[in-house]
N, C-alpha and C. Protein backbone atom coordinates (compact mmCIF):
# COMPACT_ATOMS: atom_id res chain seq x y z
N MET A 1 28.64 61.14 77.06
CA MET A 1 28.64 61.72 75.73
C MET A 1 27.51 62.76 75.60
N LYS A 2 26.33 62.43 76.18
CA LYS A 2 25.20 63.35 76.11
C LYS A 2 25.52 64.63 76.89
N LYS A 3 26.20 64.49 78.02
CA LYS A 3 26.54 65.67 78.82
C LYS A 3 27.49 66.59 78.06
N ILE A 4 28.42 66.01 77.33
CA ILE A 4 29.37 66.81 76.55
C ILE A 4 28.62 67.56 75.44
N LEU A 5 27.68 66.88 74.78
CA LEU A 5 26.90 67.53 73.72
C LEU A 5 26.02 68.65 74.30
N LYS A 6 25.41 68.41 75.46
CA LYS A 6 24.59 69.45 76.10
C LYS A 6 25.45 70.65 76.49
N LEU A 7 26.62 70.38 77.06
CA LEU A 7 27.53 71.45 77.45
C LEU A 7 27.96 72.26 76.22
N LEU A 8 28.27 71.55 75.15
CA LEU A 8 28.68 72.21 73.91
C LEU A 8 27.53 73.06 73.35
N ALA A 9 26.31 72.51 73.39
CA ALA A 9 25.15 73.25 72.89
C ALA A 9 24.90 74.50 73.74
N VAL A 10 25.02 74.38 75.04
CA VAL A 10 24.82 75.53 75.92
C VAL A 10 25.91 76.57 75.67
N ALA A 11 27.14 76.13 75.51
CA ALA A 11 28.24 77.06 75.25
C ALA A 11 28.03 77.81 73.94
N ILE A 12 27.59 77.11 72.91
CA ILE A 12 27.33 77.75 71.62
C ILE A 12 26.15 78.72 71.74
N GLY A 13 25.12 78.32 72.49
CA GLY A 13 23.97 79.19 72.70
C GLY A 13 24.35 80.47 73.44
N ILE A 14 25.16 80.34 74.48
CA ILE A 14 25.60 81.52 75.23
C ILE A 14 26.45 82.43 74.36
N LYS A 15 27.33 81.83 73.58
CA LYS A 15 28.17 82.62 72.67
C LYS A 15 27.31 83.39 71.67
N PHE A 16 26.31 82.73 71.12
CA PHE A 16 25.41 83.36 70.16
C PHE A 16 24.67 84.53 70.79
N ILE A 17 24.16 84.34 72.00
CA ILE A 17 23.43 85.40 72.71
C ILE A 17 24.36 86.59 73.00
N LEU A 18 25.57 86.31 73.44
CA LEU A 18 26.52 87.39 73.73
C LEU A 18 26.88 88.17 72.47
N GLU A 19 27.03 87.48 71.35
CA GLU A 19 27.32 88.18 70.09
C GLU A 19 26.15 89.07 69.68
N LEU A 20 24.92 88.60 69.86
CA LEU A 20 23.75 89.42 69.55
C LEU A 20 23.70 90.67 70.43
N LEU A 21 23.97 90.48 71.71
CA LEU A 21 23.95 91.62 72.63
C LEU A 21 25.04 92.63 72.28
N ASP A 22 26.20 92.14 71.90
CA ASP A 22 27.30 93.02 71.53
C ASP A 22 26.96 93.82 70.28
N GLU A 23 26.36 93.16 69.29
CA GLU A 23 25.95 93.86 68.07
C GLU A 23 24.89 94.90 68.39
N ASN A 24 23.98 94.58 69.30
CA ASN A 24 22.92 95.50 69.68
C ASN A 24 23.52 96.76 70.30
N VAL A 25 24.53 96.61 71.13
CA VAL A 25 25.18 97.76 71.75
C VAL A 25 25.86 98.62 70.68
N ASP A 26 26.53 97.98 69.72
CA ASP A 26 27.18 98.72 68.65
C ASP A 26 26.17 99.50 67.82
N VAL A 27 25.04 98.88 67.52
CA VAL A 27 24.01 99.55 66.74
C VAL A 27 23.46 100.74 67.52
N LYS A 28 23.24 100.59 68.82
CA LYS A 28 22.73 101.70 69.63
C LYS A 28 23.72 102.86 69.64
N GLN A 29 25.01 102.55 69.72
CA GLN A 29 26.02 103.62 69.71
C GLN A 29 26.02 104.34 68.37
N GLN A 30 25.90 103.61 67.28
CA GLN A 30 25.86 104.23 65.96
C GLN A 30 24.62 105.10 65.81
N VAL A 31 23.48 104.64 66.31
CA VAL A 31 22.25 105.43 66.23
C VAL A 31 22.40 106.73 67.02
N MET A 32 23.01 106.66 68.20
CA MET A 32 23.21 107.87 69.00
C MET A 32 24.14 108.85 68.29
N LYS A 33 25.20 108.35 67.66
CA LYS A 33 26.11 109.22 66.91
C LYS A 33 25.37 109.90 65.76
N LEU A 34 24.56 109.13 65.05
CA LEU A 34 23.80 109.71 63.93
C LEU A 34 22.79 110.74 64.42
N ARG A 35 22.14 110.49 65.55
CA ARG A 35 21.20 111.47 66.11
C ARG A 35 21.92 112.76 66.45
N ASN A 36 23.08 112.65 67.07
CA ASN A 36 23.85 113.85 67.44
C ASN A 36 24.27 114.62 66.20
N GLU A 37 24.73 113.92 65.17
CA GLU A 37 25.13 114.60 63.93
C GLU A 37 23.94 115.31 63.30
N LEU A 38 22.80 114.63 63.28
CA LEU A 38 21.59 115.22 62.70
C LEU A 38 21.17 116.46 63.48
N ALA A 39 21.24 116.40 64.78
CA ALA A 39 20.88 117.55 65.61
C ALA A 39 21.82 118.72 65.33
N LYS A 40 23.12 118.46 65.17
CA LYS A 40 24.07 119.53 64.86
C LYS A 40 23.76 120.16 63.51
N ILE A 41 23.46 119.33 62.52
CA ILE A 41 23.15 119.84 61.18
C ILE A 41 21.89 120.69 61.23
N GLU A 42 20.85 120.20 61.92
CA GLU A 42 19.60 120.95 62.01
C GLU A 42 19.81 122.26 62.74
N THR A 43 20.62 122.26 63.78
CA THR A 43 20.89 123.48 64.54
C THR A 43 21.60 124.50 63.67
N LYS A 44 22.61 124.07 62.94
CA LYS A 44 23.33 124.99 62.06
C LYS A 44 22.40 125.56 61.00
N ASP A 45 21.54 124.71 60.44
CA ASP A 45 20.61 125.16 59.41
C ASP A 45 19.64 126.18 59.98
N LEU A 46 19.14 125.93 61.18
CA LEU A 46 18.22 126.88 61.82
C LEU A 46 18.91 128.20 62.12
N GLU A 47 20.15 128.15 62.58
CA GLU A 47 20.88 129.38 62.88
C GLU A 47 21.03 130.23 61.62
N VAL A 48 21.34 129.59 60.51
CA VAL A 48 21.50 130.32 59.25
C VAL A 48 20.17 130.93 58.83
N LYS A 49 19.09 130.18 58.94
CA LYS A 49 17.78 130.69 58.54
C LYS A 49 17.35 131.86 59.43
N ILE A 50 17.61 131.77 60.72
CA ILE A 50 17.25 132.86 61.64
C ILE A 50 18.06 134.10 61.32
N LYS A 51 19.36 133.95 61.08
CA LYS A 51 20.20 135.11 60.73
C LYS A 51 19.73 135.75 59.44
N ASP A 52 19.41 134.92 58.44
CA ASP A 52 18.93 135.46 57.18
C ASP A 52 17.61 136.21 57.37
N PHE A 53 16.74 135.67 58.20
CA PHE A 53 15.46 136.33 58.47
C PHE A 53 15.67 137.70 59.09
N PHE A 54 16.53 137.76 60.12
CA PHE A 54 16.76 139.03 60.78
C PHE A 54 17.48 140.01 59.87
N LYS A 55 18.40 139.55 59.06
CA LYS A 55 19.08 140.45 58.11
C LYS A 55 18.09 141.03 57.12
N LYS A 56 17.12 140.24 56.74
CA LYS A 56 16.15 140.68 55.75
C LYS A 56 15.14 141.67 56.33
N TYR A 57 14.66 141.41 57.55
CA TYR A 57 13.56 142.19 58.10
C TYR A 57 13.95 143.19 59.18
N ASP A 58 15.18 143.16 59.66
CA ASP A 58 15.62 144.09 60.69
C ASP A 58 16.92 144.75 60.23
N PRO A 59 16.81 145.96 59.71
CA PRO A 59 18.03 146.62 59.17
C PRO A 59 19.06 146.93 60.25
N LYS A 60 18.66 146.99 61.50
CA LYS A 60 19.60 147.29 62.57
C LYS A 60 20.28 146.03 63.13
N PHE A 61 19.87 144.87 62.64
CA PHE A 61 20.43 143.62 63.14
C PHE A 61 21.88 143.48 62.69
N LYS A 62 22.74 143.16 63.67
CA LYS A 62 24.14 142.92 63.36
C LYS A 62 24.50 141.54 63.88
N ASP A 63 25.01 140.75 63.00
CA ASP A 63 25.45 139.39 63.37
C ASP A 63 26.72 139.51 64.19
N GLN A 64 26.85 138.69 65.22
CA GLN A 64 28.04 138.75 66.05
C GLN A 64 29.29 138.38 65.26
N GLU A 65 29.14 137.57 64.23
CA GLU A 65 30.29 137.23 63.39
C GLU A 65 30.72 138.42 62.54
N ASP A 66 29.79 139.32 62.25
CA ASP A 66 30.11 140.50 61.44
C ASP A 66 30.89 141.54 62.23
N LEU A 67 30.83 141.49 63.54
CA LEU A 67 31.49 142.51 64.37
C LEU A 67 32.97 142.42 64.35
């Protein structure tokens, strides 16, 4: 009877650890997706600011999208 209880306890412990590890992987994937999205947003914002700066201070500047 004690062996069955120990086996059951070990099985529940292993299941719990595997669930924690699986959640950890999911969280890491979500964090990476959010980092990538943030980098894209920051890049777009910087591109717009740089274009605005050159349009303002360089009259000969032509945006490639304007061509």
